[in-house]
Amino acid sequence: MPVTVETTLIFAAAMGFLWLSVVPPVSGIINSLFGPANFGTLFGVMFLSHQIGAFLGAWLGGLSYQISGTYSIGWLALVAVGAIAVLLQLGASMERTLRLPSS
């Protein structure tokens, strides 16, 4: 798709809606699993891990392009990581978890 004013605006709108959209549900899960006592620390660790993942995704995608001259490896790796994340998420059940006592 060529870069035009319209495609740039569509991309900007999509990023505005989707950027960090996983953080609120994950922070709710952290709060329900561990309680509010250590929420700040656990939220910080979760947010840091998201940022490290974003860095690695961009950097490794660029590295795969530099090595192979195509984005195919990067896209396949992205699909594989996404599929693994879906399987892990589907395998996780909130009913099976125990809530740790808050101090």
Foldseek 3Di string as FASTA:
>chain_A
DDDDPVVVVVVVVVCVVPPVPVLVVVLVVVCVAENDQCSVVVSVVVVVVVVVVVVCLVVVQVVVCVVPVDSVVSVVVVVVVVVVVVVVVVPDDPVPGDHDDHD
